[in-house]
Amino acid sequence: MKISLAGWLACAALACSAPASAAEPAASALPGHYYLQGVMETGSELLLKKDGTFEWMLSYGNTDEQASGEWRVAGDTVTLVAGHGGKEPQFRVFEEAEMRIQKPAEAGLWVAIVGFPQVGPMPGVEVKFEAHSGKTATAVSVANGDAIVRMPASERWVRAGLRRQGSKAEYQWLAVPPERAQQRLVAFAVTDPQWLRGQAFQKLALRVVKGGLQVDDADSSLARGLYAKPPSKQ
């Protein structure tokens, strides 16, 4: 039986597309909840979401680590890329009832404290201080959440702009309450405490193997184990 050139090309196209289409069901089966098995005294969970984001946690001894971001698959490798998906933190002014520091800042200093009430400080936040005259000064919050600038006694603090250090996003501007401006000390709360938690890694590769996912790093103790989904209930 003779096959025309057009027919032969159509068959060839189908043959070339088969591996890609065959790989799609495998990728679509990846989302789900995985638990680490085979590593002594270490608990770890990995959640791959259908929207392309992930959540990861690990606990051993007195140490807890976490990471979140986006995941992608290429061939038999799943790569976790930590980050916040392009989102920026949102801030608000502490309520007076949340303030633990009541005494004013030292003369000549303006102090912005960044964190989450009763949880902890948030370092790495760029704070732009603006006076009523239009004069501005910028500082970045340090480990204890403090961002401090020097300002003449003649200046009056009216608002502050906040954003992550190194971010290209616009400042989120917040008015400084008059009583706080008088004390030259204001606390700003990030609305989501997840921003206080650092990422355990920037990137982590896992190989798709029989039974689940395995960390693709020979130097990692996690490579001895397997991230597996729990058995499905019948």
N, C-alpha and C. Protein backbone atom coordinates (compact mmCIF):
# COMPACT_ATOMS: atom_id res chain seq x y z
N MET A 1 0.85 -1.19 0.00
CA MET A 1 0.00 0.00 0.00
C MET A 1 0.89 1.24 0.00
N LYS A 2 0.62 2.13 -0.94
CA LYS A 2 1.40 3.35 -1.04
C LYS A 2 0.82 4.43 -0.13
N ILE A 3 1.71 5.20 0.47
CA ILE A 3 1.28 6.32 1.32
C ILE A 3 1.76 7.61 0.67
N SER A 4 0.86 8.57 0.52
CA SER A 4 1.23 9.84 -0.08
C SER A 4 2.18 10.60 0.82
N LEU A 5 2.88 11.58 0.24
CA LEU A 5 3.80 12.40 1.02
C LEU A 5 3.07 13.12 2.15
N ALA A 6 1.87 13.62 1.86
CA ALA A 6 1.10 14.32 2.89
C ALA A 6 0.75 13.38 4.03
N GLY A 7 0.36 12.14 3.65
CA GLY A 7 0.02 11.16 4.69
C GLY A 7 1.23 10.80 5.52
N TRP A 8 2.40 10.66 4.86
CA TRP A 8 3.62 10.31 5.59
C TRP A 8 4.00 11.41 6.58
N LEU A 9 3.87 12.67 6.15
CA LEU A 9 4.18 13.80 7.02
C LEU A 9 3.23 13.86 8.21
N ALA A 10 1.96 13.54 7.97
CA ALA A 10 0.99 13.54 9.06
C ALA A 10 1.33 12.48 10.09
N CYS A 11 1.72 11.29 9.60
CA CYS A 11 2.10 10.21 10.52
C CYS A 11 3.35 10.60 11.33
N ALA A 12 4.31 11.24 10.65
CA ALA A 12 5.54 11.66 11.32
C ALA A 12 5.24 12.68 12.40
N ALA A 13 4.32 13.60 12.10
CA ALA A 13 3.96 14.62 13.08
C ALA A 13 3.33 14.00 14.31
N LEU A 14 2.48 12.98 14.09
CA LEU A 14 1.85 12.30 15.21
C LEU A 14 2.88 11.57 16.05
N ALA A 15 3.86 10.97 15.38
CA ALA A 15 4.90 10.23 16.10
C ALA A 15 5.74 11.17 16.96
N CYS A 16 6.04 12.36 16.41
CA CYS A 16 6.86 13.32 17.15
C CYS A 16 6.11 13.89 18.36
N SER A 17 4.78 14.04 18.22
CA SER A 17 4.03 14.65 19.31
C SER A 17 3.68 13.66 20.40
N ALA A 18 3.81 12.37 20.14
CA ALA A 18 3.41 11.36 21.11
C ALA A 18 4.14 11.46 22.44
N PRO A 19 5.49 11.61 22.45
CA PRO A 19 6.17 11.67 23.75
C PRO A 19 5.70 12.85 24.60
N ALA A 20 5.47 14.02 23.98
CA ALA A 20 5.04 15.19 24.74
C ALA A 20 3.68 14.95 25.36
N SER A 21 2.73 14.40 24.56
CA SER A 21 1.40 14.17 25.09
C SER A 21 1.42 13.09 26.14
N ALA A 22 2.34 12.13 25.99
CA ALA A 22 2.43 11.06 26.98
C ALA A 22 2.97 11.58 28.30
N ALA A 23 3.78 12.66 28.23
CA ALA A 23 4.36 13.20 29.45
C ALA A 23 3.37 14.04 30.24
N GLU A 24 2.34 14.57 29.55
CA GLU A 24 1.39 15.45 30.20
C GLU A 24 0.64 14.80 31.36
N PRO A 25 0.12 13.56 31.19
CA PRO A 25 -0.58 12.94 32.32
C PRO A 25 0.32 12.79 33.55
N ALA A 26 1.61 12.49 33.34
CA ALA A 26 2.54 12.34 34.46
C ALA A 26 2.69 13.66 35.20
N ALA A 27 2.82 14.77 34.46
CA ALA A 27 2.95 16.08 35.08
C ALA A 27 1.67 16.47 35.81
N SER A 28 0.53 16.14 35.22
CA SER A 28 -0.74 16.50 35.85
C SER A 28 -0.99 15.69 37.12
N ALA A 29 -0.29 14.57 37.26
CA ALA A 29 -0.47 13.74 38.46
C ALA A 29 0.43 14.17 39.61
N LEU A 30 1.33 15.13 39.36
CA LEU A 30 2.29 15.53 40.39
C LEU A 30 1.67 16.29 41.56
N PRO A 31 0.72 17.21 41.34
CA PRO A 31 0.18 17.96 42.47
C PRO A 31 -0.37 17.04 43.56
N GLY A 32 -0.16 17.46 44.80
CA GLY A 32 -0.64 16.68 45.93
C GLY A 32 0.23 16.88 47.15
N HIS A 33 -0.07 16.14 48.19
CA HIS A 33 0.61 16.25 49.48
C HIS A 33 1.59 15.10 49.61
N TYR A 34 2.86 15.42 49.83
CA TYR A 34 3.92 14.42 49.96
C TYR A 34 4.50 14.47 51.38
N TYR A 35 4.91 13.30 51.87
CA TYR A 35 5.55 13.20 53.18
C TYR A 35 6.89 12.50 53.02
N LEU A 36 7.90 13.02 53.73
CA LEU A 36 9.24 12.43 53.64
C LEU A 36 9.29 11.10 54.38
N GLN A 37 9.86 10.09 53.72
CA GLN A 37 10.03 8.77 54.31
C GLN A 37 11.50 8.37 54.23
N GLY A 38 11.97 7.61 55.23
CA GLY A 38 13.31 7.04 55.15
C GLY A 38 14.43 7.86 55.74
N VAL A 39 14.12 8.98 56.39
CA VAL A 39 15.16 9.80 57.04
C VAL A 39 14.85 9.85 58.53
N MET A 40 15.74 9.29 59.33
CA MET A 40 15.50 9.17 60.77
C MET A 40 15.37 10.54 61.45
N GLU A 41 14.43 10.62 62.38
CA GLU A 41 14.24 11.79 63.25
C GLU A 41 14.03 13.09 62.47
N THR A 42 13.52 12.97 61.27
CA THR A 42 13.25 14.16 60.45
C THR A 42 11.85 14.06 59.87
N GLY A 43 11.08 15.09 60.08
CA GLY A 43 9.75 15.16 59.49
C GLY A 43 9.70 16.25 58.44
N SER A 44 9.13 15.95 57.30
CA SER A 44 9.07 16.95 56.23
C SER A 44 7.83 16.70 55.38
N GLU A 45 7.22 17.78 54.95
CA GLU A 45 6.05 17.70 54.08
C GLU A 45 6.25 18.62 52.88
N LEU A 46 5.68 18.23 51.78
CA LEU A 46 5.73 19.03 50.55
C LEU A 46 4.34 19.03 49.93
N LEU A 47 3.82 20.20 49.69
CA LEU A 47 2.52 20.34 49.04
C LEU A 47 2.71 21.02 47.70
N LEU A 48 2.47 20.28 46.62
CA LEU A 48 2.50 20.84 45.27
C LEU A 48 1.06 21.17 44.88
N LYS A 49 0.80 22.44 44.64
CA LYS A 49 -0.56 22.86 44.32
C LYS A 49 -0.76 22.91 42.80
N LYS A 50 -2.00 22.75 42.39
CA LYS A 50 -2.33 22.74 40.97
C LYS A 50 -2.08 24.10 40.31
N ASP A 51 -2.06 25.17 41.11
CA ASP A 51 -1.84 26.50 40.53
C ASP A 51 -0.36 26.81 40.31
N GLY A 52 0.52 25.80 40.56
CA GLY A 52 1.94 25.99 40.31
C GLY A 52 2.72 26.51 41.50
N THR A 53 2.10 26.61 42.66
CA THR A 53 2.80 27.04 43.86
C THR A 53 3.04 25.85 44.79
N PHE A 54 3.94 26.02 45.75
CA PHE A 54 4.23 24.94 46.68
C PHE A 54 4.42 25.47 48.09
N GLU A 55 4.28 24.57 49.04
CA GLU A 55 4.61 24.84 50.44
C GLU A 55 5.44 23.66 50.94
N TRP A 56 6.53 23.95 51.64
CA TRP A 56 7.45 22.91 52.12
C TRP A 56 7.81 23.21 53.56
N MET A 57 7.88 22.18 54.37
CA MET A 57 8.32 22.36 55.76
C MET A 57 9.15 21.17 56.18
N LEU A 58 10.05 21.42 57.13
CA LEU A 58 10.92 20.37 57.65
C LEU A 58 11.14 20.62 59.13
N SER A 59 11.15 19.55 59.91
CA SER A 59 11.35 19.66 61.35
C SER A 59 12.29 18.56 61.81
N TYR A 60 13.35 18.97 62.52
CA TYR A 60 14.24 17.99 63.14
C TYR A 60 14.83 18.60 64.40
N GLY A 61 14.77 17.84 65.50
CA GLY A 61 15.22 18.39 66.77
C GLY A 61 14.43 19.63 67.13
N ASN A 62 15.14 20.70 67.46
CA ASN A 62 14.49 21.96 67.80
C ASN A 62 14.44 22.93 66.62
N THR A 63 14.71 22.41 65.44
CA THR A 63 14.77 23.26 64.25
C THR A 63 13.56 23.06 63.35
N ASP A 64 12.95 24.15 62.97
CA ASP A 64 11.84 24.13 62.01
C ASP A 64 12.21 25.03 60.84
N GLU A 65 12.04 24.53 59.64
CA GLU A 65 12.33 25.31 58.44
C GLU A 65 11.13 25.26 57.51
N GLN A 66 11.03 26.26 56.66
CA GLN A 66 9.93 26.29 55.71
C GLN A 66 10.35 27.03 54.45
N ALA A 67 9.62 26.79 53.40
CA ALA A 67 9.82 27.50 52.13
C ALA A 67 8.51 27.45 51.36
N SER A 68 8.31 28.44 50.54
CA SER A 68 7.13 28.48 49.67
C SER A 68 7.50 29.24 48.42
N GLY A 69 6.76 29.02 47.37
CA GLY A 69 7.06 29.68 46.10
C GLY A 69 6.37 28.97 44.96
N GLU A 70 7.09 28.80 43.86
CA GLU A 70 6.52 28.19 42.66
C GLU A 70 7.30 26.93 42.30
N TRP A 71 6.61 25.97 41.69
CA TRP A 71 7.28 24.76 41.23
C TRP A 71 7.06 24.60 39.73
N ARG A 72 8.05 23.95 39.10
CA ARG A 72 7.96 23.70 37.65
C ARG A 72 8.55 22.33 37.37
N VAL A 73 8.16 21.74 36.27
CA VAL A 73 8.64 20.40 35.92
C VAL A 73 9.23 20.43 34.52
N ALA A 74 10.38 19.76 34.37
CA ALA A 74 11.03 19.60 33.06
C ALA A 74 11.58 18.17 33.01
N GLY A 75 11.02 17.37 32.13
CA GLY A 75 11.44 15.97 32.07
C GLY A 75 11.07 15.26 33.35
N ASP A 76 12.08 14.64 33.99
CA ASP A 76 11.81 13.94 35.25
C ASP A 76 12.27 14.74 36.46
N THR A 77 12.42 16.05 36.29
CA THR A 77 12.89 16.90 37.39
C THR A 77 11.84 17.94 37.77
N VAL A 78 11.54 17.98 39.05
CA VAL A 78 10.66 19.01 39.61
C VAL A 78 11.54 20.00 40.37
N THR A 79 11.44 21.28 40.02
CA THR A 79 12.26 22.30 40.66
C THR A 79 11.37 23.22 41.50
N LEU A 80 11.74 23.36 42.76
CA LEU A 80 11.05 24.28 43.66
C LEU A 80 11.83 25.58 43.71
N VAL A 81 11.18 26.68 43.39
CA VAL A 81 11.82 28.00 43.41
C VAL A 81 11.14 28.83 44.49
N ALA A 82 11.87 29.11 45.57
CA ALA A 82 11.29 29.84 46.69
C ALA A 82 11.09 31.30 46.34
N GLY A 83 10.06 31.88 46.89
CA GLY A 83 9.75 33.28 46.64
C GLY A 83 8.32 33.56 47.04
N HIS A 84 7.86 34.75 46.71
CA HIS A 84 6.51 35.15 47.09
C HIS A 84 5.62 35.38 45.87
N GLY A 85 6.02 34.79 44.76
CA GLY A 85 5.17 34.88 43.57
C GLY A 85 4.93 36.29 43.09
N GLY A 86 5.92 37.18 43.29
CA GLY A 86 5.76 38.55 42.83
C GLY A 86 4.93 39.42 43.76
N LYS A 87 4.45 38.86 44.86
CA LYS A 87 3.63 39.63 45.80
C LYS A 87 4.51 40.51 46.68
N GLU A 88 3.93 41.57 47.19
CA GLU A 88 4.63 42.47 48.10
C GLU A 88 3.91 42.49 49.44
N PRO A 89 4.65 42.65 50.54
CA PRO A 89 4.00 42.72 51.85
C PRO A 89 3.16 43.98 52.00
N GLN A 90 2.12 43.87 52.79
CA GLN A 90 1.27 45.02 53.10
C GLN A 90 1.47 45.37 54.58
N PHE A 91 1.38 46.65 54.87
CA PHE A 91 1.66 47.12 56.23
C PHE A 91 0.51 47.97 56.76
N ARG A 92 0.50 48.10 58.07
CA ARG A 92 -0.44 48.99 58.77
C ARG A 92 0.27 49.54 60.00
N VAL A 93 -0.30 50.58 60.58
CA VAL A 93 0.26 51.14 61.81
C VAL A 93 -0.22 50.31 63.00
N PHE A 94 0.67 50.05 63.95
CA PHE A 94 0.28 49.36 65.19
C PHE A 94 -0.83 50.14 65.88
N GLU A 95 -1.79 49.42 66.46
CA GLU A 95 -2.75 50.05 67.35
C GLU A 95 -2.03 50.42 68.65
N GLU A 96 -2.56 51.42 69.34
CA GLU A 96 -1.93 51.85 70.59
C GLU A 96 -1.87 50.70 71.60
N ALA A 97 -2.91 49.85 71.61
CA ALA A 97 -2.95 48.73 72.55
C ALA A 97 -1.87 47.69 72.25
N GLU A 98 -1.35 47.71 71.01
CA GLU A 98 -0.32 46.74 70.62
C GLU A 98 1.09 47.24 70.94
N MET A 99 1.21 48.53 71.22
CA MET A 99 2.52 49.11 71.47
C MET A 99 3.04 48.69 72.85
N ARG A 100 4.27 48.22 72.87
CA ARG A 100 4.90 47.85 74.14
C ARG A 100 5.92 48.91 74.58
N ILE A 101 6.37 49.72 73.62
CA ILE A 101 7.33 50.79 73.93
C ILE A 101 6.58 52.11 73.97
N GLN A 102 6.56 52.74 75.11
CA GLN A 102 5.81 53.98 75.27
C GLN A 102 6.69 55.21 75.36
N LYS A 103 7.95 55.04 75.74
CA LYS A 103 8.82 56.21 75.88
C LYS A 103 9.22 56.72 74.50
N PRO A 104 9.42 58.03 74.36
CA PRO A 104 9.78 58.60 73.06
C PRO A 104 11.20 58.21 72.64
N ALA A 105 11.46 58.39 71.34
CA ALA A 105 12.80 58.13 70.83
C ALA A 105 13.75 59.21 71.32
N GLU A 106 15.04 58.93 71.25
CA GLU A 106 16.03 59.92 71.65
C GLU A 106 15.90 61.17 70.79
N ALA A 107 16.24 62.29 71.37
CA ALA A 107 16.17 63.56 70.65
C ALA A 107 17.01 63.50 69.37
N GLY A 108 16.43 63.99 68.29
CA GLY A 108 17.14 64.00 67.02
C GLY A 108 16.98 62.74 66.20
N LEU A 109 16.29 61.72 66.76
CA LEU A 109 16.10 60.46 66.04
C LEU A 109 14.63 60.20 65.77
N TRP A 110 14.35 59.63 64.60
CA TRP A 110 13.03 59.10 64.29
C TRP A 110 13.18 57.59 64.15
N VAL A 111 12.30 56.85 64.81
CA VAL A 111 12.42 55.39 64.84
C VAL A 111 11.15 54.75 64.30
N ALA A 112 11.31 53.88 63.32
CA ALA A 112 10.22 53.06 62.80
C ALA A 112 10.54 51.61 63.17
N ILE A 113 9.59 50.95 63.83
CA ILE A 113 9.75 49.54 64.19
C ILE A 113 8.84 48.73 63.28
N VAL A 114 9.40 47.73 62.61
CA VAL A 114 8.62 46.92 61.66
C VAL A 114 8.57 45.48 62.16
N GLY A 115 7.37 44.91 62.18
CA GLY A 115 7.24 43.52 62.62
C GLY A 115 5.79 43.09 62.66
N PHE A 116 5.50 42.11 63.51
CA PHE A 116 4.13 41.64 63.69
C PHE A 116 3.88 41.57 65.20
N PRO A 117 2.76 42.12 65.67
CA PRO A 117 2.51 42.17 67.12
C PRO A 117 2.63 40.81 67.79
N GLN A 118 3.41 40.76 68.86
CA GLN A 118 3.59 39.57 69.70
C GLN A 118 4.19 38.38 68.95
N VAL A 119 4.72 38.61 67.75
CA VAL A 119 5.37 37.53 67.00
C VAL A 119 6.86 37.82 66.83
N GLY A 120 7.19 38.97 66.25
CA GLY A 120 8.59 39.29 66.10
C GLY A 120 8.85 40.39 65.09
N PRO A 121 10.12 40.79 64.95
CA PRO A 121 10.51 41.87 64.04
C PRO A 121 10.60 41.41 62.59
N MET A 122 10.61 42.36 61.68
CA MET A 122 10.78 42.08 60.26
C MET A 122 11.94 42.92 59.74
N PRO A 123 13.11 42.33 59.58
CA PRO A 123 14.24 43.07 59.00
C PRO A 123 14.10 43.18 57.49
N GLY A 124 14.93 44.03 56.90
CA GLY A 124 14.97 44.14 55.45
C GLY A 124 13.84 44.93 54.83
N VAL A 125 13.23 45.82 55.61
CA VAL A 125 12.17 46.68 55.08
C VAL A 125 12.72 48.10 54.93
N GLU A 126 12.60 48.64 53.74
CA GLU A 126 13.06 50.01 53.48
C GLU A 126 11.96 50.98 53.91
N VAL A 127 12.32 51.90 54.79
CA VAL A 127 11.36 52.87 55.31
C VAL A 127 11.79 54.27 54.88
N LYS A 128 10.87 54.98 54.24
CA LYS A 128 11.13 56.36 53.84
C LYS A 128 10.35 57.28 54.77
N PHE A 129 11.07 58.06 55.54
CA PHE A 129 10.48 58.98 56.51
C PHE A 129 10.23 60.32 55.81
N GLU A 130 9.04 60.88 55.98
CA GLU A 130 8.75 62.17 55.36
C GLU A 130 8.23 63.16 56.40
N ALA A 131 8.85 64.34 56.41
CA ALA A 131 8.45 65.40 57.34
C ALA A 131 7.41 66.31 56.69
N HIS A 132 6.76 67.13 57.52
CA HIS A 132 5.75 68.07 57.03
C HIS A 132 6.34 69.03 56.02
N SER A 133 7.60 69.35 56.16
CA SER A 133 8.27 70.28 55.25
C SER A 133 8.58 69.65 53.89
N GLY A 134 8.44 68.33 53.80
CA GLY A 134 8.80 67.62 52.57
C GLY A 134 10.16 66.95 52.65
N LYS A 135 10.91 67.25 53.68
CA LYS A 135 12.22 66.63 53.86
C LYS A 135 12.05 65.12 54.08
N THR A 136 12.91 64.31 53.45
CA THR A 136 12.82 62.86 53.59
C THR A 136 14.17 62.26 54.00
N ALA A 137 14.09 61.08 54.56
CA ALA A 137 15.28 60.29 54.90
C ALA A 137 14.88 58.82 54.83
N THR A 138 15.83 57.96 54.51
CA THR A 138 15.52 56.54 54.31
C THR A 138 16.44 55.67 55.15
N ALA A 139 15.88 54.60 55.70
CA ALA A 139 16.65 53.61 56.45
C ALA A 139 16.02 52.24 56.24
N VAL A 140 16.79 51.19 56.48
CA VAL A 140 16.31 49.81 56.33
C VAL A 140 16.25 49.16 57.71
N SER A 141 15.16 48.47 57.99
CA SER A 141 15.02 47.82 59.29
C SER A 141 16.06 46.72 59.46
N VAL A 142 16.65 46.66 60.65
CA VAL A 142 17.70 45.69 60.95
C VAL A 142 17.08 44.48 61.66
N ALA A 143 17.94 43.65 62.25
CA ALA A 143 17.47 42.38 62.82
C ALA A 143 16.38 42.55 63.87
N ASN A 144 16.44 43.64 64.64
CA ASN A 144 15.41 43.84 65.67
C ASN A 144 14.20 44.60 65.16
N GLY A 145 14.16 44.86 63.84
CA GLY A 145 13.02 45.54 63.23
C GLY A 145 13.11 47.04 63.21
N ASP A 146 14.16 47.63 63.79
CA ASP A 146 14.28 49.09 63.87
C ASP A 146 14.88 49.68 62.60
N ALA A 147 14.25 50.75 62.13
CA ALA A 147 14.82 51.60 61.07
C ALA A 147 14.91 53.00 61.67
N ILE A 148 16.11 53.57 61.70
CA ILE A 148 16.34 54.82 62.43
C ILE A 148 17.03 55.84 61.53
N VAL A 149 16.52 57.08 61.58
CA VAL A 149 17.17 58.18 60.87
C VAL A 149 17.32 59.36 61.82
N ARG A 150 18.21 60.28 61.44
CA ARG A 150 18.38 61.52 62.20
C ARG A 150 17.58 62.63 61.52
N MET A 151 16.88 63.41 62.32
CA MET A 151 16.10 64.53 61.81
C MET A 151 16.20 65.71 62.77
N PRO A 152 16.27 66.92 62.23
CA PRO A 152 16.33 68.11 63.10
C PRO A 152 15.07 68.22 63.97
N ALA A 153 15.22 68.81 65.14
CA ALA A 153 14.09 68.96 66.06
C ALA A 153 12.98 69.82 65.46
N SER A 154 13.31 70.64 64.47
CA SER A 154 12.31 71.52 63.86
C SER A 154 11.36 70.78 62.92
N GLU A 155 11.70 69.54 62.55
CA GLU A 155 10.88 68.79 61.61
C GLU A 155 9.78 68.01 62.34
N ARG A 156 8.64 67.85 61.65
CA ARG A 156 7.53 67.07 62.20
C ARG A 156 7.20 65.92 61.26
N TRP A 157 7.20 64.72 61.79
CA TRP A 157 6.98 63.50 61.01
C TRP A 157 5.50 63.38 60.64
N VAL A 158 5.21 63.20 59.34
CA VAL A 158 3.81 63.11 58.92
C VAL A 158 3.45 61.76 58.29
N ARG A 159 4.39 61.13 57.61
CA ARG A 159 4.06 59.84 57.01
C ARG A 159 5.33 59.04 56.74
N ALA A 160 5.12 57.75 56.45
CA ALA A 160 6.24 56.86 56.14
C ALA A 160 5.85 55.95 54.99
N GLY A 161 6.81 55.69 54.11
CA GLY A 161 6.60 54.76 53.01
C GLY A 161 7.40 53.49 53.27
N LEU A 162 6.79 52.34 53.03
CA LEU A 162 7.46 51.07 53.31
C LEU A 162 7.44 50.16 52.09
N ARG A 163 8.53 49.44 51.91
CA ARG A 163 8.61 48.40 50.89
C ARG A 163 9.82 47.52 51.23
N ARG A 164 9.87 46.32 50.64
CA ARG A 164 11.01 45.44 50.89
C ARG A 164 12.30 46.05 50.34
N GLN A 165 13.39 45.82 51.04
CA GLN A 165 14.69 46.30 50.57
C GLN A 165 14.99 45.71 49.20
N GLY A 166 15.37 46.55 48.26
CA GLY A 166 15.70 46.10 46.92
C GLY A 166 14.51 45.96 46.00
N SER A 167 13.31 46.16 46.51
CA SER A 167 12.10 46.03 45.69
C SER A 167 11.95 47.24 44.77
N LYS A 168 11.39 46.99 43.59
CA LYS A 168 11.10 48.07 42.65
C LYS A 168 9.66 48.55 42.78
N ALA A 169 8.93 47.96 43.72
CA ALA A 169 7.54 48.34 43.92
C ALA A 169 7.44 49.75 44.50
N GLU A 170 6.28 50.36 44.34
CA GLU A 170 6.04 51.67 44.93
C GLU A 170 5.99 51.55 46.45
N TYR A 171 6.35 52.61 47.14
CA TYR A 171 6.22 52.63 48.59
C TYR A 171 4.74 52.53 48.97
N GLN A 172 4.46 51.85 50.06
CA GLN A 172 3.13 51.90 50.65
C GLN A 172 3.17 52.99 51.72
N TRP A 173 2.45 54.07 51.48
CA TRP A 173 2.52 55.22 52.38
C TRP A 173 1.47 55.12 53.48
N LEU A 174 1.90 55.37 54.71
CA LEU A 174 1.01 55.34 55.86
C LEU A 174 1.19 56.62 56.67
N ALA A 175 0.06 57.20 57.07
CA ALA A 175 0.11 58.41 57.89
C ALA A 175 0.59 58.07 59.29
N VAL A 176 1.39 58.95 59.86
CA VAL A 176 1.88 58.77 61.22
C VAL A 176 0.92 59.47 62.18
N PRO A 177 0.33 58.74 63.13
CA PRO A 177 -0.59 59.37 64.09
C PRO A 177 0.12 60.50 64.85
N PRO A 178 -0.58 61.60 65.13
CA PRO A 178 0.04 62.76 65.79
C PRO A 178 0.76 62.41 67.10
N GLU A 179 0.14 61.53 67.92
CA GLU A 179 0.78 61.19 69.19
C GLU A 179 2.08 60.41 68.98
N ARG A 180 2.12 59.63 67.91
CA ARG A 180 3.34 58.88 67.59
C ARG A 180 4.40 59.83 67.02
N ALA A 181 3.95 60.76 66.19
CA ALA A 181 4.88 61.74 65.62
C ALA A 181 5.54 62.56 66.72
N GLN A 182 4.76 62.87 67.75
CA GLN A 182 5.29 63.65 68.87
C GLN A 182 6.39 62.89 69.60
N GLN A 183 6.25 61.56 69.67
CA GLN A 183 7.27 60.75 70.34
C GLN A 183 8.36 60.29 69.38
N ARG A 184 8.18 60.58 68.08
CA ARG A 184 9.17 60.23 67.05
C ARG A 184 9.43 58.72 66.99
N LEU A 185 8.41 57.95 67.32
CA LEU A 185 8.54 56.49 67.31
C LEU A 185 7.21 55.87 66.88
N VAL A 186 7.26 55.11 65.79
CA VAL A 186 6.06 54.46 65.25
C VAL A 186 6.38 53.01 64.95
N ALA A 187 5.40 52.13 65.20
CA ALA A 187 5.56 50.72 64.85
C ALA A 187 4.62 50.39 63.70
N PHE A 188 5.15 49.67 62.72
CA PHE A 188 4.37 49.26 61.56
C PHE A 188 4.29 47.73 61.53
N ALA A 189 3.08 47.21 61.35
CA ALA A 189 2.87 45.77 61.33
C ALA A 189 2.70 45.28 59.90
N VAL A 190 3.40 44.20 59.55
CA VAL A 190 3.13 43.53 58.29
C VAL A 190 1.85 42.72 58.50
N THR A 191 0.94 42.74 57.55
CA THR A 191 -0.37 42.13 57.77
C THR A 191 -0.34 40.61 57.74
N ASP A 192 0.68 40.02 57.11
CA ASP A 192 0.80 38.56 57.05
C ASP A 192 2.10 38.14 57.74
N PRO A 193 2.01 37.42 58.86
CA PRO A 193 3.24 37.05 59.59
C PRO A 193 4.15 36.10 58.83
N GLN A 194 3.65 35.51 57.73
CA GLN A 194 4.50 34.62 56.93
C GLN A 194 5.73 35.34 56.41
N TRP A 195 5.63 36.68 56.27
CA TRP A 195 6.77 37.45 55.77
C TRP A 195 7.93 37.47 56.77
N LEU A 196 7.66 37.10 58.02
CA LEU A 196 8.73 37.10 59.03
C LEU A 196 9.59 35.85 58.92
N ARG A 197 9.10 34.85 58.23
CA ARG A 197 9.81 33.58 58.17
C ARG A 197 10.70 33.54 56.93
N GLY A 198 11.97 33.25 57.16
CA GLY A 198 12.91 33.17 56.05
C GLY A 198 12.71 31.89 55.25
N GLN A 199 13.20 31.87 54.02
CA GLN A 199 13.11 30.70 53.16
C GLN A 199 14.29 29.77 53.44
N ALA A 200 14.01 28.47 53.59
CA ALA A 200 15.06 27.49 53.88
C ALA A 200 16.00 27.30 52.70
N PHE A 201 15.53 27.56 51.51
CA PHE A 201 16.35 27.43 50.31
C PHE A 201 15.81 28.36 49.23
N GLN A 202 16.65 28.64 48.25
CA GLN A 202 16.21 29.42 47.10
C GLN A 202 15.71 28.52 45.98
N LYS A 203 16.37 27.37 45.84
CA LYS A 203 15.97 26.44 44.78
C LYS A 203 16.28 25.02 45.23
N LEU A 204 15.36 24.09 44.95
CA LEU A 204 15.55 22.69 45.31
C LEU A 204 15.02 21.82 44.18
N ALA A 205 15.86 20.90 43.70
CA ALA A 205 15.48 20.01 42.60
C ALA A 205 15.16 18.62 43.15
N LEU A 206 14.10 18.03 42.63
CA LEU A 206 13.71 16.67 42.99
C LEU A 206 13.48 15.87 41.72
N ARG A 207 13.88 14.61 41.74
CA ARG A 207 13.67 13.73 40.59
C ARG A 207 12.39 12.92 40.80
N VAL A 208 11.67 12.75 39.71
CA VAL A 208 10.49 11.89 39.75
C VAL A 208 10.96 10.44 39.66
N VAL A 209 10.75 9.68 40.71
CA VAL A 209 11.17 8.27 40.76
C VAL A 209 9.96 7.41 41.10
N LYS A 210 10.16 6.13 41.06
CA LYS A 210 9.07 5.21 41.40
C LYS A 210 8.65 5.44 42.85
N GLY A 211 7.42 5.73 43.05
CA GLY A 211 6.89 5.92 44.40
C GLY A 211 6.83 7.34 44.88
N GLY A 212 7.45 8.29 44.15
CA GLY A 212 7.38 9.67 44.59
C GLY A 212 8.48 10.56 44.05
N LEU A 213 9.01 11.43 44.89
CA LEU A 213 10.02 12.41 44.51
C LEU A 213 11.24 12.28 45.42
N GLN A 214 12.43 12.39 44.84
CA GLN A 214 13.67 12.26 45.60
C GLN A 214 14.53 13.49 45.37
N VAL A 215 15.07 14.05 46.47
CA VAL A 215 15.93 15.24 46.37
C VAL A 215 17.14 14.92 45.51
N ASP A 216 17.37 15.75 44.50
CA ASP A 216 18.46 15.53 43.54
C ASP A 216 19.71 16.28 43.99
N ASP A 217 20.25 15.87 45.14
CA ASP A 217 21.46 16.50 45.69
C ASP A 217 22.15 15.47 46.58
N ALA A 218 23.25 14.92 46.08
CA ALA A 218 23.94 13.85 46.80
C ALA A 218 24.46 14.31 48.16
N ASP A 219 24.70 15.62 48.33
CA ASP A 219 25.24 16.13 49.58
C ASP A 219 24.16 16.37 50.63
N SER A 220 22.90 16.26 50.25
CA SER A 220 21.81 16.51 51.18
C SER A 220 21.37 15.22 51.86
N SER A 221 21.17 15.29 53.17
CA SER A 221 20.70 14.11 53.90
C SER A 221 19.30 13.72 53.45
N LEU A 222 18.56 14.67 52.89
CA LEU A 222 17.21 14.38 52.42
C LEU A 222 17.21 13.45 51.22
N ALA A 223 18.36 13.40 50.50
CA ALA A 223 18.44 12.55 49.31
C ALA A 223 18.32 11.07 49.66
N ARG A 224 18.53 10.73 50.93
CA ARG A 224 18.40 9.34 51.35
C ARG A 224 16.94 8.92 51.46
N GLY A 225 16.07 9.90 51.52
CA GLY A 225 14.65 9.60 51.70
C GLY A 225 13.85 9.77 50.43
N LEU A 226 12.55 9.64 50.58
CA LEU A 226 11.63 9.74 49.45
C LEU A 226 10.40 10.51 49.89
N TYR A 227 10.03 11.51 49.10
CA TYR A 227 8.77 12.21 49.33
C TYR A 227 7.68 11.42 48.61
N ALA A 228 6.77 10.87 49.39
CA ALA A 228 5.73 10.02 48.82
C ALA A 228 4.35 10.49 49.26
N LYS A 229 3.38 10.30 48.37
CA LYS A 229 2.00 10.60 48.73
C LYS A 229 1.46 9.47 49.60
N PRO A 230 0.56 9.78 50.52
CA PRO A 230 -0.03 8.70 51.33
C PRO A 230 -0.87 7.79 50.44
N PRO A 231 -0.99 6.51 50.79
CA PRO A 231 -1.79 5.60 49.99
C PRO A 231 -3.23 6.10 49.87
N SER A 232 -3.78 5.98 48.70
CA SER A 232 -5.16 6.43 48.49
C SER A 232 -6.12 5.49 49.20
N LYS A 233 -7.16 6.10 49.77
CA LYS A 233 -8.17 5.29 50.48
C LYS A 233 -9.13 4.66 49.48
N GLN A 234 -9.34 3.39 49.64
CA GLN A 234 -10.24 2.66 48.74
C GLN A 234 -11.68 2.77 49.25
